[in-house]
Amino acid sequence: MRRYFEALLMVAAVTLLGLVIAPRWGTSAVDLLFLPAVIVAAIRGGRGASLLAAAASTLAYNFFFTAPRLSLRIDDPTEFATVLVLFGVALVTSQLAASVRREAEAARAHAERNATIAGLARRLLGCTSEEDVLAASTVELAKVFGGNAVLVGGPPARLLGSSPPGVQLTPSDIATAGLVLDTGQPAGRGLDRALPVEWQFHPIRSGETVLAVAGLARDDGAPAVVADQFALLGSLLDQVALALERSRLERDAQEFARTRERDRVRSALLASIGDDLRPPLKAITDASRQLRREGEARRELLSEIDAAGAKLDRYLTGLADLGSDEPQRPVSIGDVTIDLFQRSVSRGGRAVRLTPKEFGILAELAKHRGRVLTHAHLLRAVWGPAQEKHTDYLRVAVRGLRQKLEADPAHPALIINEPAVGYRLASETPALAGTD
C-alpha cells in the first residue's frame, strides 16, 4: 500500500505545482509536469503504482486545469484531446518505466545469484578433504535458504553432515532420502504430498550418477525451497557435486599411490626373503645328504630334516612367485586386459579407470581366475574383516565394474554371479562364457 500512497502523493504535489504555474504561464505546460511523477511511481512502485499515477494524473488535470474547472466535464474538444493524449502518454511511459524496473530487479537478482554461487565455489575450493566439502556445503546451504541443511550419502542412505551440527533424521526422512538416491528425483515437503516428511531432498548429480542428496528444512514448517529458487539451488548443488568429485578423485589417487607403493615394497620384501633364506636352507639339505651318505646319524631324524627342508623350499618358491613374476604377466580375457603389477585395466586397447575398491575386487578375482570367491572372501580381502557382512558394498562395486567392462552389463559374461555364493572371473573369452 505504501507504493500506491507514494504515487498519489507525487501526483498531488505535481497538481499543487501546476496550480501555482497555471495562473502565470497557462495550462499548456502543466500536463508535462505529470509525466515525471508517473515515471518515478513506475520505478519505485512497479506497474500497479504507475497505472494508478497515470489515472490520477489524468483525472487531476481534467478536474483542475480544463474548463469547466473543478469538475470532470470537458466542454472544449481540444481539451478533451489533451486529456486523452495525457492519459495515453502517461500509460505508455508507465509501462516503459515499469519494464526498466523489472529488468533492473532481474539483473540485481541475477547478480546476487552469481555472487552466492561464486561464494560457495570459493569456499569449496579451499576444502582439502571430502569431510571439509560436506561441512562447508551444509553451512552455506543453510545460510542461503535460511533453515537447516543435511547431506545424505549411500547406499544405504546415511547422514554425512548437517548444519547446525547434531541434526537427526527420522526413519521416514532416511527412507525419503534413499528414494531420491535411487530415483534421482527431488522429493519431500512441498514437492510430494504423499510423503509426510519435514525435509525437502534434492539429488546432487555428476552426470547420471547421484553422488549424494541435499536435504533442507525450515523451523517454521514452510517448504525450504520454493519454485523460483530451484534454479539457484541447482547451481549450488552443481558446485557441491564438482567439489565432491574432486575430493574423491584426489582420495582415490592417494589410495592408488599408497597401494602401488605397498605392492612395490611387498614384492621387494618377498624377493629378499627368498634370497636370504635359500642359502642356509641349501646348506641344511646338503648337510643332511652328507650325513645320510656317511651313515653317522639316525635315518628317521634325517628324513624329518629333509621333509621340513622340502616344505620350506616350496614356501619360498611360492613367495618368490607372488613377489615378482606372476603379477607381471597381464591377465587377458577377450578384449579386457588386467595388469596386476602395473595396476591397470584396459578394454579394447583403451585404459579403463577403476576406483581402488573396484580394482581390488577385480584383482582378487583375477588371482583366482575361474574359481568362485564367496562374498565374505571378497569383502574381507578388499574392505577388511569388519565389513564381511556388508554385501551391498560388494554389489555396488561389481555393478560399477560390469558397467565399465562388460559388453552387455545386463547379461554379464566377464564377472559371473554364483547366486547366494559369490562371484568368479570367466576362465575363457566372455563371448564363449556362460552368463548368470
Protein backbone atom coordinates (compact mmCIF):
# COMPACT_ATOMS: atom_id res chain seq x y z
CA MET A 1 0.00 0.00 0.00
CA ARG A 2 2.89 2.35 0.60
CA ARG A 3 3.80 2.29 -3.10
CA TYR A 4 0.30 3.40 -4.09
CA PHE A 5 0.24 6.09 -1.41
CA GLU A 6 3.56 7.46 -2.65
CA ALA A 7 2.23 7.53 -6.24
CA LEU A 8 -0.85 9.53 -5.19
CA LEU A 9 1.30 11.83 -3.09
CA MET A 10 3.55 12.62 -6.07
CA VAL A 11 0.51 13.34 -8.28
CA ALA A 12 -0.86 15.66 -5.58
CA ALA A 13 2.45 17.51 -5.37
CA VAL A 14 2.55 17.98 -9.13
CA THR A 15 -1.06 19.21 -9.08
CA LEU A 16 -0.19 21.85 -6.47
CA LEU A 17 2.79 22.91 -8.54
CA GLY A 18 0.55 23.18 -11.60
CA LEU A 19 -1.93 25.35 -9.70
CA VAL A 20 0.92 27.71 -8.93
CA ILE A 21 2.20 27.79 -12.51
CA ALA A 22 -1.12 27.90 -14.42
CA PRO A 23 -2.20 31.47 -13.47
CA ARG A 24 1.06 32.90 -14.75
CA TRP A 25 2.03 30.71 -17.76
CA GLY A 26 -1.20 28.92 -18.58
CA THR A 27 -2.09 25.22 -18.63
CA SER A 28 -0.21 24.29 -21.81
CA ALA A 29 2.89 23.21 -19.91
CA VAL A 30 1.13 21.74 -16.89
CA ASP A 31 0.34 18.38 -18.49
CA LEU A 32 4.05 17.68 -18.98
CA LEU A 33 4.59 18.05 -15.25
CA PHE A 34 2.64 14.84 -14.59
CA LEU A 35 4.93 12.61 -16.67
CA PRO A 36 7.90 12.68 -14.21
CA ALA A 37 5.52 11.69 -11.41
CA VAL A 38 4.32 8.70 -13.46
CA ILE A 39 7.91 7.66 -14.27
CA VAL A 40 9.04 7.91 -10.64
CA ALA A 41 5.99 5.92 -9.49
CA ALA A 42 6.80 3.18 -12.04
CA ILE A 43 10.44 2.98 -11.00
CA ARG A 44 9.73 2.95 -7.28
CA GLY A 45 6.46 1.04 -7.14
CA GLY A 46 6.20 -1.05 -10.29
CA ARG A 47 3.40 -1.44 -12.81
CA GLY A 48 0.44 -1.12 -10.39
CA ALA A 49 1.68 2.14 -8.88
CA SER A 50 2.48 3.57 -12.32
CA LEU A 51 -1.03 2.80 -13.65
CA LEU A 52 -2.56 4.46 -10.59
CA ALA A 53 -0.33 7.52 -11.11
CA ALA A 54 -1.33 7.72 -14.81
CA ALA A 55 -5.05 7.56 -13.99
CA ALA A 56 -4.73 10.03 -11.10
CA SER A 57 -2.72 12.45 -13.27
CA THR A 58 -5.39 12.40 -15.98
CA LEU A 59 -8.22 12.98 -13.50
CA ALA A 60 -6.32 15.74 -11.69
CA TYR A 61 -5.56 17.55 -14.93
CA ASN A 62 -9.16 17.23 -16.02
CA PHE A 63 -10.55 18.42 -12.67
CA PHE A 64 -8.24 21.34 -12.01
CA PHE A 65 -6.99 22.57 -15.38
CA THR A 66 -9.68 22.04 -18.03
CA ALA A 67 -12.85 24.11 -18.43
CA PRO A 68 -15.18 23.95 -16.67
CA ARG A 69 -12.79 23.64 -13.74
CA LEU A 70 -13.42 21.74 -10.53
CA SER A 71 -15.48 19.22 -12.48
CA LEU A 72 -14.80 16.17 -14.59
CA ARG A 73 -16.83 17.53 -17.51
CA ILE A 74 -14.98 18.78 -20.62
CA ASP A 75 -16.66 21.30 -22.97
CA ASP A 76 -13.77 22.11 -25.29
CA PRO A 77 -12.91 19.26 -27.76
CA THR A 78 -9.30 20.44 -27.77
CA GLU A 79 -9.10 19.98 -24.02
CA PHE A 80 -10.69 16.54 -24.36
CA ALA A 81 -8.00 15.54 -26.85
CA THR A 82 -5.34 16.90 -24.48
CA VAL A 83 -6.67 14.77 -21.64
CA LEU A 84 -6.71 11.64 -23.83
CA VAL A 85 -3.18 12.29 -25.06
CA LEU A 86 -2.02 12.88 -21.50
CA PHE A 87 -3.52 9.58 -20.38
CA GLY A 88 -2.05 7.70 -23.36
CA VAL A 89 1.42 9.18 -22.90
CA ALA A 90 1.27 8.55 -19.14
CA LEU A 91 0.18 4.96 -19.74
CA VAL A 92 2.95 4.22 -22.25
CA THR A 93 5.52 5.95 -20.07
CA SER A 94 4.43 3.96 -17.03
CA GLN A 95 4.77 0.68 -18.92
CA LEU A 96 8.25 1.57 -20.17
CA ALA A 97 9.40 2.67 -16.74
CA ALA A 98 7.92 -0.48 -15.15
CA SER A 99 9.75 -2.63 -17.72
CA VAL A 100 13.01 -0.86 -16.89
CA ARG A 101 12.35 -1.54 -13.20
CA ARG A 102 11.69 -5.23 -13.86
CA GLU A 103 14.89 -5.52 -15.88
CA ALA A 104 16.84 -3.84 -13.12
CA GLU A 105 15.35 -6.18 -10.50
CA ALA A 106 16.11 -9.21 -12.67
CA ALA A 107 19.69 -8.03 -13.18
CA ARG A 108 20.10 -7.47 -9.45
CA ALA A 109 18.68 -10.91 -8.66
CA HIS A 110 20.98 -12.47 -11.26
CA ALA A 111 23.97 -10.68 -9.78
CA GLU A 112 23.03 -11.81 -6.27
CA ARG A 113 22.62 -15.37 -7.51
CA ASN A 114 26.02 -15.31 -9.22
CA ALA A 115 27.60 -13.85 -6.09
CA THR A 116 26.06 -16.62 -3.97
CA ILE A 117 27.32 -19.32 -6.34
CA ALA A 118 30.78 -17.75 -6.53
CA GLY A 119 30.95 -17.53 -2.75
CA LEU A 120 30.17 -21.23 -2.35
CA ALA A 121 32.65 -22.12 -5.11
CA ARG A 122 35.42 -20.13 -3.37
CA ARG A 123 34.74 -21.80 -0.06
CA LEU A 124 34.63 -25.29 -1.57
CA LEU A 125 37.85 -24.60 -3.48
CA GLY A 126 39.67 -24.28 -0.17
CA CYS A 127 38.46 -27.67 1.09
CA THR A 128 41.14 -30.36 1.16
CA SER A 129 39.03 -33.42 2.02
CA GLU A 130 35.55 -34.79 1.48
CA GLU A 131 34.70 -34.09 5.13
CA ASP A 132 35.59 -30.41 4.64
CA VAL A 133 33.41 -30.28 1.49
CA LEU A 134 30.44 -31.78 3.36
CA ALA A 135 30.80 -29.37 6.28
CA ALA A 136 31.18 -26.27 4.08
CA SER A 137 28.28 -27.29 1.83
CA THR A 138 25.79 -27.78 4.66
CA VAL A 139 26.76 -24.47 6.31
CA GLU A 140 26.37 -22.50 3.06
CA LEU A 141 23.09 -24.17 2.05
CA ALA A 142 21.61 -23.50 5.50
CA LYS A 143 22.72 -19.86 5.28
CA VAL A 144 21.37 -19.26 1.77
CA PHE A 145 17.93 -20.81 2.37
CA GLY A 146 17.56 -19.78 5.98
CA GLY A 147 16.99 -23.15 7.61
CA ASN A 148 18.62 -26.50 8.36
CA ALA A 149 20.66 -28.48 5.85
CA VAL A 150 21.89 -32.08 5.70
CA LEU A 151 23.79 -34.19 3.19
CA VAL A 152 22.90 -37.87 2.87
CA GLY A 153 25.03 -40.49 1.11
CA GLY A 154 24.64 -44.16 0.32
CA PRO A 155 23.63 -46.77 -0.43
CA PRO A 156 22.39 -47.46 2.16
CA ALA A 157 21.20 -43.94 2.97
CA ARG A 158 23.17 -42.45 5.86
CA LEU A 159 23.77 -38.95 7.23
CA LEU A 160 27.08 -37.43 6.08
CA GLY A 161 26.89 -33.92 7.52
CA SER A 162 24.49 -31.33 8.89
CA SER A 163 24.11 -27.68 9.77
CA PRO A 164 23.58 -26.96 12.58
CA PRO A 165 25.52 -29.94 13.95
CA GLY A 166 23.55 -32.65 15.68
CA VAL A 167 20.56 -32.69 13.34
CA GLN A 168 18.79 -36.06 13.43
CA LEU A 169 16.68 -37.58 10.65
CA THR A 170 13.66 -39.75 11.34
CA PRO A 171 13.29 -43.17 9.68
CA SER A 172 10.79 -41.67 7.21
CA ASP A 173 13.31 -38.92 6.36
CA ILE A 174 16.00 -41.52 5.75
CA ALA A 175 13.61 -43.54 3.58
CA THR A 176 12.75 -40.46 1.51
CA ALA A 177 16.44 -39.61 1.07
CA GLY A 178 17.06 -43.20 -0.04
CA LEU A 179 14.26 -42.85 -2.59
CA VAL A 180 15.94 -39.74 -4.02
CA LEU A 181 19.27 -41.60 -4.14
CA ASP A 182 17.66 -44.39 -6.14
CA THR A 183 15.48 -42.34 -8.50
CA GLY A 184 17.45 -39.11 -8.81
CA GLN A 185 14.21 -37.10 -8.47
CA PRO A 186 13.54 -34.46 -5.77
CA ALA A 187 11.05 -35.40 -3.07
CA GLY A 188 9.80 -34.22 0.28
CA ARG A 189 7.91 -31.31 1.80
CA GLY A 190 6.37 -29.01 -0.77
CA LEU A 191 7.14 -31.44 -3.60
CA ASP A 192 5.09 -34.55 -2.88
CA ARG A 193 2.08 -34.51 -0.56
CA ALA A 194 2.17 -38.29 -0.32
CA LEU A 195 5.41 -38.09 1.70
CA PRO A 196 4.73 -36.78 5.23
CA VAL A 197 8.26 -35.55 5.97
CA GLU A 198 9.63 -32.22 7.17
CA TRP A 199 12.61 -32.21 4.82
CA GLN A 200 12.89 -31.43 1.13
CA PHE A 201 15.51 -33.61 -0.58
CA HIS A 202 17.31 -32.84 -3.86
CA PRO A 203 19.87 -35.05 -5.68
CA ILE A 204 23.49 -33.98 -6.12
CA ARG A 205 24.43 -35.30 -9.56
CA SER A 206 27.57 -35.91 -11.54
CA GLY A 207 26.28 -36.78 -14.99
CA GLU A 208 23.78 -39.59 -14.49
CA THR A 209 25.27 -40.64 -11.14
CA VAL A 210 23.73 -39.42 -7.88
CA LEU A 211 26.66 -38.68 -5.56
CA ALA A 212 24.60 -37.63 -2.54
CA VAL A 213 21.34 -35.98 -1.51
CA ALA A 214 20.91 -32.49 -0.04
CA GLY A 215 18.11 -32.07 2.49
CA LEU A 216 16.67 -28.68 3.50
CA ALA A 217 14.07 -27.80 6.15
CA ARG A 218 12.79 -24.69 7.91
CA ASP A 219 11.95 -24.36 11.59
CA ASP A 220 8.59 -22.75 10.80
CA GLY A 221 7.46 -25.79 8.78
CA ALA A 222 7.27 -23.96 5.44
CA PRO A 223 8.89 -25.55 2.34
CA ALA A 224 12.60 -24.78 2.44
CA VAL A 225 12.87 -24.09 -1.31
CA VAL A 226 10.11 -22.61 -3.46
CA ALA A 227 9.75 -22.78 -7.24
CA ASP A 228 11.63 -19.57 -8.06
CA GLN A 229 14.63 -20.75 -6.00
CA PHE A 230 15.08 -24.09 -7.76
CA ALA A 231 17.48 -22.63 -10.35
CA LEU A 232 19.72 -21.18 -7.62
CA LEU A 233 19.63 -24.44 -5.66
CA GLY A 234 20.52 -26.42 -8.79
CA SER A 235 23.57 -24.21 -9.44
CA LEU A 236 24.72 -24.53 -5.82
CA LEU A 237 24.34 -28.32 -5.88
CA ASP A 238 26.37 -28.44 -9.12
CA GLN A 239 29.21 -26.72 -7.27
CA VAL A 240 28.90 -29.24 -4.42
CA ALA A 241 28.98 -32.11 -6.95
CA LEU A 242 32.17 -30.75 -8.53
CA ALA A 243 33.82 -30.41 -5.12
CA LEU A 244 32.80 -33.95 -4.09
CA GLU A 245 34.08 -35.39 -7.37
CA ARG A 246 37.38 -33.53 -6.97
CA SER A 247 37.88 -34.66 -3.37
CA ARG A 248 37.03 -38.28 -4.24
CA LEU A 249 39.37 -38.28 -7.21
CA GLU A 250 42.15 -36.94 -5.01
CA ARG A 251 41.41 -39.57 -2.37
CA ASP A 252 41.39 -42.35 -4.97
CA ALA A 253 44.68 -41.10 -6.43
CA GLN A 254 46.29 -41.04 -2.99
CA GLU A 255 44.98 -44.51 -2.18
CA PHE A 256 46.18 -45.79 -5.53
CA ALA A 257 49.66 -44.35 -4.88
CA ARG A 258 49.77 -45.90 -1.41
CA THR A 259 48.62 -49.27 -2.74
CA ARG A 260 51.19 -49.24 -5.52
CA GLU A 261 53.96 -48.32 -3.12
CA ARG A 262 52.82 -51.06 -0.72
CA ASP A 263 52.85 -53.61 -3.54
CA ARG A 264 56.32 -52.49 -4.59
CA VAL A 265 57.65 -52.86 -1.05
CA ARG A 266 55.85 -56.21 -0.70
CA SER A 267 57.38 -57.55 -3.91
CA ALA A 268 60.86 -56.41 -2.86
CA LEU A 269 60.41 -57.92 0.61
CA LEU A 270 59.22 -61.28 -0.72
CA ALA A 271 62.10 -61.41 -3.16
CA SER A 272 64.61 -60.59 -0.43
CA ILE A 273 63.16 -63.29 1.83
CA GLY A 274 63.84 -65.89 -0.83
CA ASP A 275 67.35 -64.60 -1.45
CA ASP A 276 68.17 -64.53 2.26
CA LEU A 277 66.77 -67.94 3.22
CA ARG A 278 67.71 -70.09 0.25
CA PRO A 279 71.48 -70.28 1.08
CA PRO A 280 71.03 -71.53 4.69
CA LEU A 281 68.25 -73.88 3.54
CA LYS A 282 70.55 -75.32 0.88
CA ALA A 283 73.30 -75.74 3.49
CA ILE A 284 70.94 -77.70 5.75
CA THR A 285 69.77 -80.02 2.99
CA ASP A 286 73.37 -80.58 1.77
CA ALA A 287 74.48 -81.44 5.32
CA SER A 288 71.58 -83.87 5.65
CA ARG A 289 72.58 -85.66 2.44
CA GLN A 290 76.21 -85.83 3.58
CA LEU A 291 75.23 -87.35 6.91
CA ARG A 292 72.98 -89.85 5.14
CA ARG A 293 75.89 -90.94 2.89
CA GLU A 294 78.30 -91.28 5.82
CA GLY A 295 75.76 -93.10 8.00
CA GLU A 296 76.64 -91.04 11.09
CA ALA A 297 73.05 -90.13 12.10
CA ARG A 298 69.70 -91.79 12.56
CA ARG A 299 67.74 -92.15 9.33
CA GLU A 300 64.43 -91.11 11.00
CA LEU A 301 65.92 -87.79 12.06
CA LEU A 302 67.42 -87.20 8.60
CA SER A 303 64.05 -87.94 6.97
CA GLU A 304 62.37 -85.35 9.14
CA ILE A 305 65.04 -82.78 8.25
CA ASP A 306 64.65 -83.50 4.52
CA ALA A 307 60.83 -83.26 4.69
CA ALA A 308 60.95 -79.94 6.57
CA GLY A 309 63.52 -78.57 4.12
CA ALA A 310 61.40 -79.57 1.09
CA LYS A 311 58.33 -77.96 2.64
CA LEU A 312 60.21 -74.75 3.37
CA ASP A 313 61.60 -74.72 -0.17
CA ARG A 314 58.06 -74.93 -1.58
CA TYR A 315 57.02 -72.00 0.60
CA LEU A 316 59.93 -69.91 -0.63
CA THR A 317 59.13 -70.73 -4.25
CA GLY A 318 55.54 -69.64 -3.72
CA LEU A 319 56.64 -66.39 -2.07
CA ALA A 320 59.01 -65.62 -4.90
CA ASP A 321 56.26 -66.18 -7.45
CA LEU A 322 53.91 -63.89 -5.56
CA GLY A 323 56.54 -61.21 -5.19
CA SER A 324 57.79 -60.90 -8.76
CA ASP A 325 56.93 -62.96 -11.82
CA GLU A 326 53.24 -63.76 -11.57
CA PRO A 327 51.81 -60.25 -11.16
CA GLN A 328 53.92 -59.04 -14.08
CA ARG A 329 52.01 -61.25 -16.51
CA PRO A 330 48.74 -59.50 -17.51
CA VAL A 331 45.53 -61.49 -17.46
CA SER A 332 43.63 -61.25 -20.76
CA ILE A 333 40.00 -62.27 -21.22
CA GLY A 334 38.62 -61.32 -24.61
CA ASP A 335 39.29 -57.61 -25.13
CA VAL A 336 39.82 -56.99 -21.39
CA THR A 337 43.39 -56.97 -20.06
CA ILE A 338 44.17 -56.86 -16.33
CA ASP A 339 47.75 -55.96 -15.33
CA LEU A 340 48.08 -56.67 -11.60
CA PHE A 341 51.69 -55.47 -11.43
CA GLN A 342 51.04 -52.13 -13.11
CA ARG A 343 47.56 -51.92 -11.50
CA SER A 344 45.96 -51.05 -14.82
CA VAL A 345 42.94 -52.33 -16.77
CA SER A 346 42.18 -51.83 -20.43
CA ARG A 347 39.30 -52.77 -22.70
CA GLY A 348 39.79 -52.93 -26.44
CA GLY A 349 43.18 -51.27 -26.01
CA ARG A 350 41.75 -48.26 -24.15
CA ALA A 351 42.52 -47.67 -20.48
CA VAL A 352 39.59 -48.07 -18.07
CA ARG A 353 39.60 -46.03 -14.88
CA LEU A 354 38.55 -48.04 -11.81
CA THR A 355 38.17 -46.96 -8.21
CA PRO A 356 40.54 -48.65 -5.72
CA LYS A 357 37.71 -50.88 -4.43
CA GLU A 358 36.69 -51.90 -7.95
CA PHE A 359 40.29 -52.75 -8.85
CA GLY A 360 40.72 -54.66 -5.57
CA ILE A 361 37.74 -56.89 -6.42
CA LEU A 362 38.89 -57.41 -10.00
CA ALA A 363 42.45 -58.20 -8.88
CA GLU A 364 41.25 -60.76 -6.33
CA LEU A 365 39.09 -62.45 -8.96
CA ALA A 366 41.98 -62.40 -11.46
CA LYS A 367 44.35 -64.06 -8.97
CA HIS A 368 41.83 -66.92 -8.65
CA ARG A 369 40.53 -66.89 -12.20
CA GLY A 370 37.79 -69.42 -12.82
CA ARG A 371 37.23 -70.05 -9.11
CA VAL A 372 34.16 -68.89 -7.22
CA LEU A 373 35.10 -66.45 -4.44
CA THR A 374 32.49 -66.01 -1.71
CA HIS A 375 31.03 -62.64 -0.78
CA ALA A 376 32.76 -62.83 2.60
CA HIS A 377 36.14 -63.58 0.97
CA LEU A 378 35.92 -60.58 -1.36
CA LEU A 379 34.70 -58.23 1.36
CA ARG A 380 37.46 -59.39 3.71
CA ALA A 381 40.15 -59.03 1.04
CA VAL A 382 39.08 -55.58 -0.23
CA TRP A 383 37.24 -53.86 2.66
CA GLY A 384 38.69 -55.72 5.63
CA PRO A 385 37.35 -58.27 8.16
CA ALA A 386 34.99 -55.74 9.77
CA GLN A 387 32.93 -55.43 6.57
CA GLU A 388 32.33 -59.12 5.79
CA LYS A 389 28.56 -58.80 6.17
CA HIS A 390 28.10 -55.67 4.03
CA THR A 391 27.27 -57.42 0.77
CA ASP A 392 25.59 -54.24 -0.51
CA TYR A 393 29.07 -52.64 -0.76
CA LEU A 394 30.18 -55.55 -2.93
CA ARG A 395 27.10 -55.44 -5.18
CA VAL A 396 27.55 -51.72 -5.87
CA ALA A 397 31.22 -52.18 -6.78
CA VAL A 398 30.52 -55.20 -9.02
CA ARG A 399 27.75 -53.27 -10.75
CA GLY A 400 30.25 -50.48 -11.45
CA LEU A 401 32.78 -53.00 -12.83
CA ARG A 402 30.19 -54.50 -15.15
CA GLN A 403 29.17 -51.07 -16.44
CA LYS A 404 32.80 -50.35 -17.34
CA LEU A 405 33.98 -53.76 -18.61
CA GLU A 406 31.03 -55.83 -19.85
CA ALA A 407 29.79 -55.60 -23.43
CA ASP A 408 26.23 -56.01 -22.08
CA PRO A 409 26.07 -55.23 -18.34
CA ALA A 410 22.54 -56.66 -18.15
CA HIS A 411 23.92 -60.08 -19.24
CA PRO A 412 27.43 -60.24 -17.73
CA ALA A 413 29.92 -62.64 -19.31
CA LEU A 414 33.15 -61.48 -17.62
CA ILE A 415 32.24 -61.35 -13.92
CA ILE A 416 29.87 -64.26 -13.34
CA ASN A 417 27.47 -64.36 -10.41
CA GLU A 418 27.00 -67.54 -8.41
CA PRO A 419 23.68 -66.94 -6.62
CA ALA A 420 23.91 -66.77 -2.83
CA VAL A 421 27.62 -67.73 -3.01
CA GLY A 422 29.83 -65.13 -4.69
CA TYR A 423 31.48 -64.25 -7.99
CA ARG A 424 34.07 -65.68 -10.35
CA LEU A 425 36.06 -64.30 -13.24
CA ALA A 426 35.40 -66.02 -16.57
CA SER A 427 38.13 -68.51 -17.44
CA GLU A 428 37.59 -68.09 -21.20
CA THR A 429 36.68 -65.41 -23.70
CA PRO A 430 33.47 -63.71 -22.49
CA ALA A 431 31.76 -64.31 -25.82
CA LEU A 432 32.03 -68.05 -25.11
CA ALA A 433 31.48 -67.93 -21.37
CA GLY A 434 28.16 -68.56 -19.69
CA THR A 435 26.13 -65.79 -18.16
CA ASP A 436 24.24 -65.55 -14.92
